[in-house]
Each structure stands twice: as structure tokens, then as C-alpha cells.
N, C-alpha and C. Protein backbone atom coordinates (compact mmCIF):
# COMPACT_ATOMS: atom_id res chain seq x y z
N MET A 1 9.44 -8.90 15.86
CA MET A 1 8.88 -8.80 14.36
C MET A 1 8.18 -9.59 14.33
N ARG A 2 7.22 -9.71 13.30
CA ARG A 2 6.38 -11.21 13.50
C ARG A 2 6.57 -11.83 11.93
N SER A 3 6.08 -13.36 12.13
CA SER A 3 6.65 -14.18 11.39
C SER A 3 5.79 -13.81 9.83
N CYS A 4 6.22 -13.97 9.13
CA CYS A 4 4.98 -13.91 7.73
C CYS A 4 5.11 -14.59 6.41
N PRO A 5 5.88 -15.87 6.84
CA PRO A 5 6.55 -16.41 4.98
C PRO A 5 5.65 -16.08 4.15
N GLU A 6 6.33 -15.75 2.69
CA GLU A 6 5.57 -15.74 1.94
C GLU A 6 4.88 -16.89 1.32
N TYR A 7 3.46 -17.03 1.15
CA TYR A 7 2.69 -18.07 0.55
C TYR A 7 3.56 -18.76 -0.56
N SER A 8 4.28 -17.99 -1.36
CA SER A 8 5.40 -18.69 -2.89
C SER A 8 5.50 -17.61 -2.82
N THR A 9 6.46 -18.13 -4.33
CA THR A 9 7.14 -16.54 -5.03
C THR A 9 6.91 -16.81 -6.42
N THR A 10 6.19 -17.80 -6.88
CA THR A 10 5.80 -18.43 -8.03
C THR A 10 4.08 -18.42 -8.04
N ILE A 11 4.28 -17.23 -9.15
CA ILE A 11 2.79 -16.98 -9.13
C ILE A 11 2.62 -16.20 -10.58
N GLU A 12 1.98 -17.44 -10.58
CA GLU A 12 2.00 -17.48 -12.50
C GLU A 12 0.73 -17.07 -13.48
N ASP A 13 -0.40 -17.08 -12.34
CA ASP A 13 -1.55 -16.94 -12.68
C ASP A 13 -2.67 -16.30 -11.52
N PHE A 14 -4.12 -15.99 -12.06
CA PHE A 14 -5.06 -15.28 -10.87
C PHE A 14 -4.84 -16.27 -10.10
N LEU A 15 -4.80 -17.25 -9.85
CA LEU A 15 -5.42 -18.52 -8.68
C LEU A 15 -3.73 -18.06 -7.71
N THR A 16 -2.96 -18.48 -8.31
CA THR A 16 -1.64 -18.57 -7.05
C THR A 16 -1.61 -17.44 -6.59
N ALA A 17 -1.94 -16.04 -7.60
CA ALA A 17 -1.87 -14.73 -7.11
C ALA A 17 -2.68 -14.44 -5.77
N GLN A 18 -3.87 -15.15 -5.99
CA GLN A 18 -5.21 -14.76 -5.59
C GLN A 18 -4.67 -15.53 -4.09
N ASN A 19 -4.23 -16.50 -3.89
CA ASN A 19 -3.35 -17.06 -3.32
C ASN A 19 -2.60 -16.27 -1.91
N TYR A 20 -1.46 -16.33 -2.82
CA TYR A 20 -0.63 -15.26 -2.40
C TYR A 20 -0.96 -13.80 -1.47
N LEU A 21 -2.19 -13.64 -2.09
CA LEU A 21 -2.29 -11.89 -1.06
C LEU A 21 -3.44 -12.54 -0.54
N ARG A 22 -3.64 -13.40 -0.39
CA ARG A 22 -5.05 -13.76 0.59
C ARG A 22 -3.50 -14.50 2.00
N GLU A 23 -2.86 -15.07 1.95
CA GLU A 23 -2.03 -15.36 2.99
C GLU A 23 -1.08 -13.98 3.27
N GLY A 24 -0.50 -12.94 2.48
CA GLY A 24 -0.39 -11.43 3.43
C GLY A 24 -1.38 -10.74 3.71
N ALA A 25 -2.83 -10.99 3.38
CA ALA A 25 -3.46 -10.31 4.27
C ALA A 25 -3.90 -10.29 5.43
N GLU A 26 -3.87 -11.95 5.55
CA GLU A 26 -3.70 -12.53 7.35
C GLU A 26 -2.49 -12.01 8.06
N CYS A 27 -1.38 -11.23 7.53
CA CYS A 27 -0.66 -11.14 8.39
C CYS A 27 -1.07 -9.77 8.29
N LEU A 28 -1.05 -9.00 7.41
CA LEU A 28 -1.69 -7.16 7.92
C LEU A 28 -2.24 -7.15 8.63
N ASP A 29 -3.62 -7.97 8.71
CA ASP A 29 -4.65 -8.15 9.57
C ASP A 29 -3.79 -8.18 10.88
N ALA A 30 -3.19 -8.90 11.27
CA ALA A 30 -2.59 -9.67 12.43
C ALA A 30 -1.37 -8.64 12.97
N THR A 31 -0.86 -7.81 11.64
CA THR A 31 -0.26 -6.35 12.49
C THR A 31 -0.69 -5.51 12.85
N TRP A 32 -1.53 -4.98 11.83
CA TRP A 32 -2.20 -3.43 11.86
C TRP A 32 -3.11 -3.42 13.07
N THR A 33 -3.82 -5.01 13.66
CA THR A 33 -4.72 -4.74 14.82
C THR A 33 -3.77 -5.14 16.15
N SER A 34 -2.46 -5.41 16.18
CA SER A 34 -1.86 -5.41 17.81
C SER A 34 -1.20 -4.29 17.18
N PHE A 35 -0.86 -3.69 15.92
CA PHE A 35 -0.32 -1.62 16.83
C PHE A 35 -1.71 -1.19 17.13
N PHE A 36 -2.63 -1.23 16.37
CA PHE A 36 -3.72 -0.31 17.21
C PHE A 36 -4.26 -0.56 18.92
N LYS A 37 -3.81 -1.99 18.78
CA LYS A 37 -4.99 -2.51 20.37
C LYS A 37 -3.55 -2.17 21.18
N LYS A 38 -2.51 -1.44 20.79
CA LYS A 38 -0.83 -0.97 21.74
C LYS A 38 -1.45 0.67 21.84
N ALA A 39 -1.80 0.79 20.49
CA ALA A 39 -1.94 2.47 20.64
C ALA A 39 -3.47 2.80 21.64
N LYS A 40 -4.25 2.17 21.68
CA LYS A 40 -5.11 1.49 22.09
C LYS A 40 -6.40 2.76 21.00
N LEU A 41 -6.07 2.74 19.96
CA LEU A 41 -7.16 3.26 19.33
C LEU A 41 -8.06 1.88 18.13
N PRO A 42 -9.30 2.51 18.69
CA PRO A 42 -10.28 0.96 17.35
C PRO A 42 -10.04 0.51 16.12
N PHE A 43 -10.24 -0.25 16.27
CA PHE A 43 -9.37 -1.19 14.64
C PHE A 43 -10.41 -2.10 14.59
N ARG A 44 -10.15 -2.24 12.91
CA ARG A 44 -11.56 -3.35 12.65
C ARG A 44 -10.93 -3.83 11.30
N LYS A 45 -11.11 -5.13 10.38
CA LYS A 45 -9.96 -5.41 9.33
C LYS A 45 -11.33 -4.75 8.41
N PRO A 46 -10.61 -4.68 6.86
CA PRO A 46 -10.69 -3.84 5.77
C PRO A 46 -11.21 -4.73 5.00
N GLY A 47 -12.20 -4.75 4.67
CA GLY A 47 -13.12 -5.59 3.37
C GLY A 47 -12.02 -5.78 2.24
N MET A 48 -11.35 -7.14 1.59
CA MET A 48 -10.67 -7.52 0.82
C MET A 48 -11.59 -7.75 -0.57
N GLU A 49 -10.86 -8.10 -1.80
CA GLU A 49 -11.41 -8.47 -2.73
C GLU A 49 -9.98 -8.39 -4.52
N PHE A 50 -9.99 -9.67 -4.28
CA PHE A 50 -9.28 -9.76 -5.29
C PHE A 50 -9.82 -10.07 -7.05
N ILE A 51 -9.49 -9.47 -7.82
CA ILE A 51 -10.14 -9.71 -9.03
C ILE A 51 -9.18 -9.37 -10.57
N SER A 52 -9.67 -10.55 -11.44
CA SER A 52 -8.68 -10.91 -12.29
C SER A 52 -8.93 -9.53 -13.36
N LYS A 53 -10.08 -8.90 -13.69
CA LYS A 53 -10.09 -7.83 -14.58
C LYS A 53 -11.39 -6.81 -14.12
N PRO A 54 -11.70 -5.73 -14.72
CA PRO A 54 -12.26 -4.52 -14.41
C PRO A 54 -13.42 -4.71 -14.11
N THR A 55 -14.14 -4.94 -12.84
CA THR A 55 -15.49 -5.23 -12.97
C THR A 55 -16.79 -4.70 -11.67
N LYS A 56 -17.34 -4.79 -11.29
CA LYS A 56 -17.82 -4.10 -10.48
C LYS A 56 -17.96 -5.27 -8.99
N THR A 57 -17.32 -4.17 -8.03
CA THR A 57 -16.99 -4.56 -6.88
C THR A 57 -17.95 -4.11 -5.42
N ARG A 58 -17.70 -4.92 -4.36
CA ARG A 58 -18.16 -4.61 -2.98
C ARG A 58 -18.02 -2.96 -3.09
N ALA A 59 -16.75 -2.92 -2.75
CA ALA A 59 -16.19 -2.40 -1.81
C ALA A 59 -16.22 -0.46 -2.89
N CYS A 60 -15.62 -0.90 -4.13
CA CYS A 60 -15.43 0.30 -5.11
C CYS A 60 -16.54 0.50 -5.96
N GLY A 61 -17.59 -0.07 -6.19
CA GLY A 61 -18.61 -0.30 -7.37
C GLY A 61 -17.50 -0.76 -8.81
N ASN A 62 -18.15 0.11 -10.17
CA ASN A 62 -17.48 -0.73 -11.00
C ASN A 62 -16.18 -0.13 -10.99
N MET A 63 -15.52 -0.80 -11.36
CA MET A 63 -13.69 -0.39 -11.67
C MET A 63 -13.31 -0.54 -13.19
N ASP A 64 -13.86 -0.03 -13.86
CA ASP A 64 -13.54 0.64 -15.57
C ASP A 64 -12.32 1.03 -15.36
N GLY A 65 -11.63 0.41 -16.23
CA GLY A 65 -10.44 1.61 -16.60
C GLY A 65 -9.40 1.48 -15.65
N PHE A 66 -9.76 0.42 -14.11
CA PHE A 66 -8.69 0.88 -13.24
C PHE A 66 -7.69 -0.78 -13.33
N TRP A 67 -6.70 0.04 -12.23
CA TRP A 67 -5.38 -0.81 -12.55
C TRP A 67 -4.73 -1.08 -11.39
N GLY A 68 -4.06 -2.03 -11.23
CA GLY A 68 -3.42 -2.27 -9.55
C GLY A 68 -4.54 -2.44 -8.00
N GLY A 69 -4.35 -1.07 -7.54
CA GLY A 69 -5.02 -1.36 -6.21
C GLY A 69 -5.96 0.00 -6.00
N ALA A 70 -6.58 -0.48 -5.43
CA ALA A 70 -7.92 0.63 -4.82
C ALA A 70 -8.75 0.70 -3.09
N TYR A 71 -8.39 1.54 -2.19
CA TYR A 71 -9.05 1.76 -1.21
C TYR A 71 -10.38 2.46 -1.65
N CYS A 72 -11.89 1.90 -0.53
CA CYS A 72 -12.70 2.78 -0.72
C CYS A 72 -13.18 3.48 0.70
N GLN A 73 -12.89 4.55 1.18
CA GLN A 73 -13.18 4.87 2.87
C GLN A 73 -14.76 4.63 2.83
N ASP A 74 -15.57 5.17 2.17
CA ASP A 74 -16.92 4.83 2.37
C ASP A 74 -17.30 3.32 2.83
N THR A 75 -16.97 2.55 2.64
CA THR A 75 -17.11 0.82 2.48
C THR A 75 -15.85 0.32 3.23
N GLN A 76 -14.50 0.89 3.62
CA GLN A 76 -13.44 0.73 3.94
C GLN A 76 -12.95 -0.63 3.56
N GLY A 77 -13.25 -1.13 2.63
CA GLY A 77 -12.57 -1.72 1.96
C GLY A 77 -12.15 -1.78 0.64
N LEU A 78 -11.05 -2.41 0.34
CA LEU A 78 -9.91 -2.56 -0.90
C LEU A 78 -10.09 -3.56 -1.94
N VAL A 79 -9.13 -3.49 -2.82
CA VAL A 79 -9.69 -3.80 -4.24
C VAL A 79 -8.32 -4.40 -4.77
N VAL A 80 -8.16 -5.30 -5.16
CA VAL A 80 -6.77 -5.29 -6.02
C VAL A 80 -6.90 -6.24 -7.12
N LEU A 81 -6.17 -5.49 -8.34
CA LEU A 81 -6.64 -6.30 -9.71
C LEU A 81 -5.50 -6.83 -10.23
N VAL A 82 -5.29 -8.13 -10.27
CA VAL A 82 -4.58 -9.14 -10.71
C VAL A 82 -4.54 -8.96 -12.29
N ASP A 83 -3.83 -8.76 -13.03
CA ASP A 83 -3.75 -8.87 -14.53
C ASP A 83 -3.00 -9.05 -15.12
N GLY A 84 -2.56 -8.91 -16.70
CA GLY A 84 -0.90 -9.22 -16.90
C GLY A 84 -0.14 -8.42 -17.01
N TRP A 85 -0.30 -6.94 -16.42
CA TRP A 85 0.39 -6.18 -16.07
C TRP A 85 1.16 -6.76 -14.56
N MET A 86 0.30 -6.99 -13.65
CA MET A 86 1.05 -7.30 -12.33
C MET A 86 1.44 -8.16 -12.34
N LEU A 87 1.09 -9.17 -13.30
CA LEU A 87 1.82 -10.58 -12.85
C LEU A 87 3.15 -10.55 -13.68
N GLU A 88 3.48 -9.84 -14.58
CA GLU A 88 4.83 -9.04 -14.90
C GLU A 88 5.69 -9.57 -13.96
N TYR A 89 5.52 -8.86 -12.45
CA TYR A 89 6.38 -9.28 -11.77
C TYR A 89 6.84 -10.33 -10.97
N GLU A 90 6.44 -11.53 -11.33
CA GLU A 90 6.23 -12.93 -11.02
C GLU A 90 7.43 -13.00 -10.31
N GLY A 91 7.60 -13.69 -9.05
CA GLY A 91 8.91 -13.79 -8.49
C GLY A 91 9.75 -12.58 -7.71
N THR A 92 8.72 -11.48 -7.38
CA THR A 92 9.41 -10.56 -6.74
C THR A 92 7.72 -9.92 -5.82
N PRO A 93 8.57 -9.15 -4.90
CA PRO A 93 7.42 -8.74 -3.72
C PRO A 93 6.91 -7.78 -4.37
N PHE A 94 6.66 -7.33 -5.34
CA PHE A 94 5.89 -6.40 -5.78
C PHE A 94 3.96 -5.93 -5.84
N LEU A 95 3.91 -7.61 -5.50
CA LEU A 95 2.40 -7.61 -5.76
C LEU A 95 1.91 -7.43 -3.75
N PHE A 96 2.88 -7.92 -3.59
CA PHE A 96 2.69 -7.94 -1.46
C PHE A 96 3.32 -6.21 -1.12
N TYR A 97 3.31 -5.64 -1.98
CA TYR A 97 4.29 -3.96 -1.94
C TYR A 97 2.49 -3.36 -2.25
N VAL A 98 1.70 -3.62 -3.42
CA VAL A 98 1.13 -3.22 -3.91
C VAL A 98 -0.49 -3.10 -2.72
N LEU A 99 -0.66 -4.25 -2.11
CA LEU A 99 -1.74 -4.19 -1.03
C LEU A 99 -1.30 -4.27 0.13
N ALA A 100 0.07 -3.96 0.67
CA ALA A 100 0.28 -3.34 1.89
C ALA A 100 -0.15 -1.75 1.44
N HIS A 101 0.62 -1.36 0.70
CA HIS A 101 0.77 0.04 0.36
C HIS A 101 -1.60 0.31 0.17
N GLU A 102 -2.32 -0.35 -0.34
CA GLU A 102 -3.86 0.02 0.15
C GLU A 102 -4.17 -0.32 1.24
N TYR A 103 -3.84 -1.09 1.92
CA TYR A 103 -4.05 -1.89 3.51
C TYR A 103 -3.90 -0.42 4.13
N GLY A 104 -2.22 0.28 3.68
CA GLY A 104 -2.05 1.70 4.13
C GLY A 104 -3.11 2.60 4.39
N HIS A 105 -3.98 2.40 3.58
CA HIS A 105 -5.15 3.75 3.14
C HIS A 105 -6.02 3.45 4.25
N HIS A 106 -6.06 1.59 4.93
CA HIS A 106 -7.32 1.63 5.86
C HIS A 106 -6.68 1.95 7.18
N VAL A 107 -5.48 2.15 7.28
CA VAL A 107 -4.61 2.33 8.43
C VAL A 107 -5.20 3.99 8.54
N GLN A 108 -4.95 4.97 7.27
CA GLN A 108 -5.11 6.17 8.22
C GLN A 108 -6.57 6.10 7.65
N GLN A 109 -7.04 5.21 7.31
CA GLN A 109 -9.22 5.73 7.47
C GLN A 109 -9.02 5.65 9.09
N ARG A 110 -9.35 4.65 9.80
CA ARG A 110 -9.06 3.96 10.84
C ARG A 110 -8.95 5.24 12.35
N SER A 111 -7.26 6.03 11.70
CA SER A 111 -6.61 7.01 12.79
C SER A 111 -7.14 8.36 12.22
N GLY A 112 -8.27 8.23 11.10
CA GLY A 112 -8.60 9.46 11.49
C GLY A 112 -7.48 10.53 10.19
N ILE A 113 -6.94 9.98 9.63
CA ILE A 113 -6.12 10.76 8.56
C ILE A 113 -7.02 10.82 7.47
N ILE A 114 -7.72 10.16 6.77
CA ILE A 114 -7.92 10.67 5.87
C ILE A 114 -9.75 11.92 5.93
N LYS A 115 -9.68 11.72 7.23
CA LYS A 115 -11.10 12.70 7.39
C LYS A 115 -10.32 14.05 7.07
N ALA A 116 -9.44 14.04 7.78
CA ALA A 116 -8.58 15.58 7.76
C ALA A 116 -8.08 15.56 6.73
N HIS A 117 -7.44 14.93 5.49
CA HIS A 117 -7.35 15.18 4.94
C HIS A 117 -7.91 15.95 3.74
N TYR A 118 -8.95 15.52 3.71
CA TYR A 118 -10.37 15.68 3.20
C TYR A 118 -10.62 17.63 3.16
N LYS A 119 -10.76 17.17 4.38
CA LYS A 119 -10.97 18.18 5.12
C LYS A 119 -10.62 19.83 4.87
N LEU A 120 -9.03 19.38 4.86
CA LEU A 120 -8.12 20.56 5.06
C LEU A 120 -7.85 20.48 2.93
N MET A 121 -8.49 19.20 2.14
CA MET A 121 -7.94 19.92 0.91
C MET A 121 -7.89 20.52 -0.05
N PRO A 122 -7.02 21.73 -0.47
CA PRO A 122 -7.04 23.12 -1.59
C PRO A 122 -8.72 22.67 -2.87
N LYS A 123 -8.75 23.96 -3.06
CA LYS A 123 -9.88 24.09 -4.13
C LYS A 123 -9.34 23.45 -4.83
N SER A 124 -8.01 24.32 -5.63
CA SER A 124 -7.62 24.38 -6.61
C SER A 124 -7.12 22.80 -7.38
N THR A 125 -7.35 22.42 -8.27
CA THR A 125 -7.15 21.03 -8.80
C THR A 125 -5.45 21.04 -8.74
N LYS A 126 -4.93 21.90 -9.25
CA LYS A 126 -3.32 21.52 -8.81
C LYS A 126 -2.69 21.52 -7.50
N ALA A 127 -3.61 22.62 -6.73
CA ALA A 127 -2.76 21.91 -5.51
C ALA A 127 -3.38 21.01 -4.86
N ALA A 128 -4.89 20.72 -5.24
CA ALA A 128 -5.12 19.48 -4.68
C ALA A 128 -4.52 18.31 -4.99
N TYR A 129 -3.96 18.53 -6.21
CA TYR A 129 -3.06 17.10 -6.76
C TYR A 129 -2.12 16.99 -5.91
N LYS A 130 -1.22 18.05 -5.55
CA LYS A 130 0.17 17.79 -4.89
C LYS A 130 -0.48 17.47 -3.20
N TRP A 131 -1.65 17.81 -3.20
CA TRP A 131 -2.07 17.90 -1.58
C TRP A 131 -2.43 16.16 -1.40
N HIS A 132 -3.27 15.62 -2.31
CA HIS A 132 -3.49 14.10 -2.36
C HIS A 132 -2.18 13.26 -2.66
N ALA A 133 -1.54 13.63 -3.37
CA ALA A 133 0.08 12.91 -3.09
C ALA A 133 0.80 12.64 -2.34
N ARG A 134 0.64 13.56 -0.98
CA ARG A 134 0.93 13.37 0.50
C ARG A 134 0.10 11.99 0.97
N LEU A 135 -1.37 12.27 0.99
CA LEU A 135 -1.70 10.92 1.49
C LEU A 135 -1.25 9.23 0.67
N GLU A 136 -0.71 9.81 -0.63
CA GLU A 136 -0.69 8.37 -1.41
C GLU A 136 0.80 7.89 -0.43
N LEU A 137 1.58 9.18 -0.71
CA LEU A 137 3.51 8.20 -0.22
C LEU A 137 3.09 8.41 1.39
N GLN A 138 2.23 8.63 1.91
CA GLN A 138 2.05 8.42 3.32
C GLN A 138 1.57 6.53 3.37
N ALA A 139 0.87 6.72 2.42
CA ALA A 139 0.32 5.00 2.56
C ALA A 139 1.65 4.06 1.78
N ASP A 140 2.46 4.47 0.82
CA ASP A 140 3.83 3.79 1.09
C ASP A 140 4.55 3.44 1.42
N CYS A 141 4.72 4.87 2.69
CA CYS A 141 5.57 4.79 3.34
C CYS A 141 5.00 3.58 4.75
N LEU A 142 3.90 3.74 4.86
CA LEU A 142 3.60 2.64 5.97
C LEU A 142 3.40 1.52 5.57
N SER A 143 3.26 1.41 3.95
CA SER A 143 3.58 -0.29 3.66
C SER A 143 4.92 -0.73 4.06
N GLY A 144 5.51 0.50 3.82
CA GLY A 144 7.26 0.11 4.10
C GLY A 144 7.68 -0.61 5.30
N ALA A 145 6.79 0.48 5.92
CA ALA A 145 7.19 0.07 7.43
C ALA A 145 6.60 -1.38 8.00
N PHE A 146 5.47 -1.85 7.63
CA PHE A 146 4.86 -3.21 7.33
C PHE A 146 5.96 -4.25 7.07
N LEU A 147 6.45 -3.87 5.67
CA LEU A 147 7.22 -5.27 5.16
C LEU A 147 8.27 -4.86 5.98
N ARG A 148 8.74 -4.47 6.77
CA ARG A 148 10.44 -4.35 7.16
C ARG A 148 10.09 -5.04 8.67
N SER A 149 8.90 -5.10 8.98
CA SER A 149 8.38 -5.94 10.17
C SER A 149 8.39 -7.29 9.66
N ILE A 150 8.11 -7.85 8.70
CA ILE A 150 7.95 -9.03 8.27
C ILE A 150 8.99 -9.70 7.24
N TRP A 151 10.05 -8.92 6.83
CA TRP A 151 10.71 -8.96 5.85
C TRP A 151 11.81 -9.84 5.61
N ALA A 152 12.53 -10.01 7.38
CA ALA A 152 13.49 -11.70 7.42
C ALA A 152 12.42 -12.95 7.32
N SER A 153 11.05 -12.68 7.48
CA SER A 153 10.69 -13.75 7.80
C SER A 153 10.07 -14.08 6.51
N THR A 154 10.46 -13.61 5.38
CA THR A 154 9.96 -13.73 3.92
C THR A 154 10.98 -14.82 3.50
N GLY A 155 12.18 -14.39 4.03
CA GLY A 155 13.19 -14.94 3.66
C GLY A 155 14.08 -14.59 2.33
N ARG A 156 13.36 -13.26 1.97
CA ARG A 156 14.32 -12.64 0.95
C ARG A 156 15.39 -11.73 1.47
N ASP A 157 15.60 -10.97 0.63
CA ASP A 157 17.16 -10.49 1.43
C ASP A 157 16.88 -9.08 0.94
N SER A 158 18.45 -8.19 1.23
CA SER A 158 18.31 -6.86 0.57
C SER A 158 18.28 -6.37 -0.90
N HIS A 159 18.80 -7.40 -1.88
CA HIS A 159 18.85 -7.30 -3.26
C HIS A 159 17.30 -7.23 -3.61
N ASP A 160 15.99 -8.26 -2.77
CA ASP A 160 15.12 -7.97 -3.28
C ASP A 160 14.33 -6.76 -3.11
N TRP A 161 14.51 -6.19 -1.92
CA TRP A 161 14.45 -4.91 -2.05
C TRP A 161 14.92 -3.75 -2.28
N GLN A 162 16.32 -3.73 -3.29
CA GLN A 162 16.14 -2.51 -3.85
C GLN A 162 15.80 -3.09 -4.93
N GLN A 163 15.37 -4.17 -5.68
CA GLN A 163 14.64 -4.78 -6.87
C GLN A 163 13.44 -4.35 -6.91
N LEU A 164 12.60 -4.57 -5.29
CA LEU A 164 11.57 -3.19 -5.53
C LEU A 164 10.90 -2.22 -5.52
N LEU A 165 12.37 -1.84 -4.74
CA LEU A 165 12.34 0.03 -4.71
C LEU A 165 12.76 0.59 -6.58
N THR A 166 13.07 -0.08 -7.32
CA THR A 166 13.52 0.33 -8.78
C THR A 166 11.93 -0.36 -9.43
N TYR A 167 11.07 -0.77 -9.31
CA TYR A 167 10.02 -1.24 -9.94
C TYR A 167 9.21 -0.11 -9.67
N ILE A 168 9.09 0.26 -8.30
CA ILE A 168 8.53 1.57 -7.45
C ILE A 168 8.63 2.83 -8.67
N LYS A 169 10.03 2.98 -8.55
CA LYS A 169 10.71 4.08 -9.09
C LYS A 169 10.42 4.24 -10.61
N GLU A 170 10.26 3.21 -11.19
CA GLU A 170 9.94 3.07 -12.40
C GLU A 170 8.52 3.04 -12.72
N ASP A 171 7.66 2.13 -12.20
CA ASP A 171 6.51 1.93 -12.99
C ASP A 171 5.06 3.26 -12.25
N MET A 172 5.47 3.55 -10.67
CA MET A 172 4.56 3.42 -10.05
C MET A 172 3.90 5.40 -9.76
N GLY A 173 4.76 6.47 -10.65
CA GLY A 173 4.68 7.58 -10.58
C GLY A 173 3.37 8.07 -11.13
N ASP A 174 2.55 8.90 -10.69
CA ASP A 174 2.13 10.08 -11.66
C ASP A 174 1.39 11.56 -10.36
N PRO A 175 0.50 11.73 -11.31
CA PRO A 175 0.21 13.86 -10.78
C PRO A 175 -0.55 13.05 -9.48
N THR A 176 -1.20 12.23 -8.95
CA THR A 176 -1.97 12.40 -7.47
C THR A 176 -1.13 11.53 -6.52
N HIS A 177 -0.10 10.76 -7.28
CA HIS A 177 0.79 9.76 -6.28
C HIS A 177 1.90 9.76 -5.90
N GLY A 178 2.62 11.47 -6.35
CA GLY A 178 3.55 11.50 -5.98
C GLY A 178 4.89 10.68 -7.18
N GLY A 179 6.18 11.36 -7.75
CA GLY A 179 6.89 10.97 -8.72
C GLY A 179 7.22 9.72 -8.50
N GLY A 180 7.56 8.63 -9.08
CA GLY A 180 8.34 7.20 -8.82
C GLY A 180 9.31 7.64 -7.75
N LYS A 181 10.21 8.39 -8.51
CA LYS A 181 11.27 8.55 -7.33
C LYS A 181 10.86 9.12 -5.90
N SER A 182 9.86 9.83 -5.80
CA SER A 182 9.49 9.78 -4.17
C SER A 182 8.70 8.80 -3.80
N ARG A 183 8.11 8.42 -4.18
CA ARG A 183 7.11 7.14 -4.04
C ARG A 183 8.35 5.80 -3.42
N ALA A 184 9.04 5.82 -4.20
CA ALA A 184 10.22 5.05 -3.99
C ALA A 184 10.89 5.23 -2.45
N ALA A 185 11.04 6.36 -2.46
CA ALA A 185 12.44 6.94 -1.43
C ALA A 185 11.37 6.89 -0.12
N TRP A 186 9.80 6.93 -0.25
CA TRP A 186 8.96 7.04 1.37
C TRP A 186 8.88 5.77 1.40
N THR A 187 8.71 4.52 0.22
CA THR A 187 8.75 3.19 1.32
C THR A 187 9.77 2.81 1.58
N ASP A 188 11.22 3.54 1.21
CA ASP A 188 11.78 2.88 1.45
C ASP A 188 12.44 3.63 3.19
N ARG A 189 11.85 4.65 3.39
CA ARG A 189 11.40 5.57 4.72
C ARG A 189 11.37 4.44 5.59
N GLY A 190 10.11 4.44 5.05
CA GLY A 190 9.56 3.34 6.52
C GLY A 190 9.88 1.78 6.30
N PHE A 191 10.70 1.45 5.17
CA PHE A 191 11.37 0.40 5.58
C PHE A 191 12.23 0.00 6.16
N LYS A 192 13.36 1.72 6.54
CA LYS A 192 14.69 1.28 7.39
C LYS A 192 14.53 2.04 8.15
N ALA A 193 12.96 2.99 9.07
CA ALA A 193 12.73 3.08 10.83
C ALA A 193 11.78 1.78 10.91
N GLY A 194 11.02 1.08 9.83
CA GLY A 194 10.36 -0.32 10.66
C GLY A 194 9.41 0.43 11.47
N SER A 195 8.93 2.11 11.71
CA SER A 195 8.08 2.52 12.53
C SER A 195 7.02 3.96 11.39
N PRO A 196 5.74 3.90 11.69
CA PRO A 196 5.01 4.69 11.28
C PRO A 196 5.20 5.91 11.84
N SER A 197 6.41 6.18 12.72
CA SER A 197 6.74 7.37 13.12
C SER A 197 7.19 8.67 12.08
N VAL A 198 7.50 7.34 10.84
CA VAL A 198 8.07 8.43 9.97
C VAL A 198 7.80 8.87 8.74
N CYS A 199 6.74 8.05 9.04
CA CYS A 199 5.57 8.87 7.42
C CYS A 199 4.71 9.99 7.71
N ASN A 200 5.13 10.89 8.62
CA ASN A 200 4.32 12.35 8.32
C ASN A 200 4.69 13.06 6.90
N THR A 201 4.18 12.67 6.03
CA THR A 201 4.36 13.57 4.70
C THR A 201 4.04 14.45 5.08
N TYR A 202 3.08 15.38 5.36
CA TYR A 202 2.18 16.46 5.59
C TYR A 202 2.96 17.58 5.84
N LYS A 203 3.79 17.04 6.98
CA LYS A 203 5.38 17.83 7.44
C LYS A 203 6.52 18.34 6.25
N ALA A 204 6.62 17.31 5.60
CA ALA A 204 7.39 17.16 4.86
C ALA A 204 7.20 18.60 3.65
N PRO A 205 8.56 18.65 3.19
CA PRO A 205 8.95 20.17 2.16
C PRO A 205 8.25 19.31 0.97
N ALA A 206 7.73 20.38 -0.17
CA ALA A 206 7.53 20.08 -1.16
C ALA A 206 8.70 19.13 -1.92
N SER A 207 9.28 19.95 -1.81
CA SER A 207 10.56 18.72 -3.19
C SER A 207 10.54 17.29 -2.69
N GLN A 208 9.93 16.59 -1.10
CA GLN A 208 9.79 15.40 -1.25
C GLN A 208 8.82 14.30 -1.45
N VAL A 209 8.36 15.38 -1.93
CA VAL A 209 6.92 15.07 -1.86
C VAL A 209 6.21 15.19 -3.55
N ALA A 210 7.01 15.65 -4.29
CA ALA A 210 7.07 15.64 -5.94
C ALA A 210 6.47 14.49 -6.62
């Protein structure tokens, strides 16, 4: 289990949120670098950008209409937007979860999952949405597995975890990412196992990725 105490649970503005995310990013880098080394797979850290409003980014270009987080596989970089909506979760690990989810996409990229995902993507829009949801739900599961590995060191407890799952369930569902209930369930699945081995959403029945 890796030690990763949170920078601060008091996140009141962009500056404190940025510091919080940078501390979390260091822990994500160390955790996944170690995991890939043990698996004898090549790994490099993703680029990271934290922004306070939609703007042009190095990783993903213009982010107009963007909210939350994004990962762009061409540059292998991620972006987290910290605006008023995100700051509503002050005092919770929600921001850490968003960062860990986007980092999960980098894990998928480095392991070849994203390449296989797009190679096998259905042509119809409806089927493609459902297929893409499997990628997003897997990133949720990977974020849960990571958070479990450092949870004790953050000083948080089971109440904090259940609160986070409630936020995910209520606020995070959409057609391309899966419903909020599924997102919370896959995040919790990764957390309970503490391992990416339970995160194969591509073999899950349709009812679990809706």
C-alpha cells in the first residue's frame, strides 16, 4: 500500500485545487509507474494541465464547452478543468477521483487497450456509444483500484467513500460514459478489489455497462 496523504481537504479556489491535484498527480505517477514496471511493460508519465476556464490546451487543443476532465491519446496528456462546479465538492475526494479517472485513460493507452477499443468500435452511433461506455467505465474501475491503494494514507474513511459514490451516481452519468449507477458500481468494484484485474468491462453483460 502506497502512502499518499492528501495535500489538503480545504479546496476553496483554483490555486488550492491546483496544488491538491499536483500532489495527487505525483502519487498517480509513482503508483502506475511501479505497476507497469512489475508487469514489464513500457510506461511514461502523461502530460498534465490544470485549467480554471475553457481555453486552448497543449494536450487537447481548444476546450470550449468542456467540463470536468479529458484525456487525449494523440498527445498522451490529460486536462482537468477546475471551475465553480468542481469546487462545489470542496472537502471531498471528488476532484481526486476525476484526476484518477483521466489517468486511467492513460493506463489504457499505454497498455494498448485504447488502440484495440477503437479498432473494434461498432459503426452505428448507438452501438458506438454503448461500446465507448465500456472504456469509460473501465477508467472508473481503474481509478477505484488506485484510490484503494492509497486510501488509508489519505486519512479518509468508509463514510467518505460512500459519499464519493453518491456524487458519482447522481452527477456523472451520460450516454457515452454509462449511467451514474454503473459508474459508481465500477468505481466501487475497483476499490473493493484494489486491483485492475477486476476491470474488464469488455466482458461484462450489457446490464452492467448501461
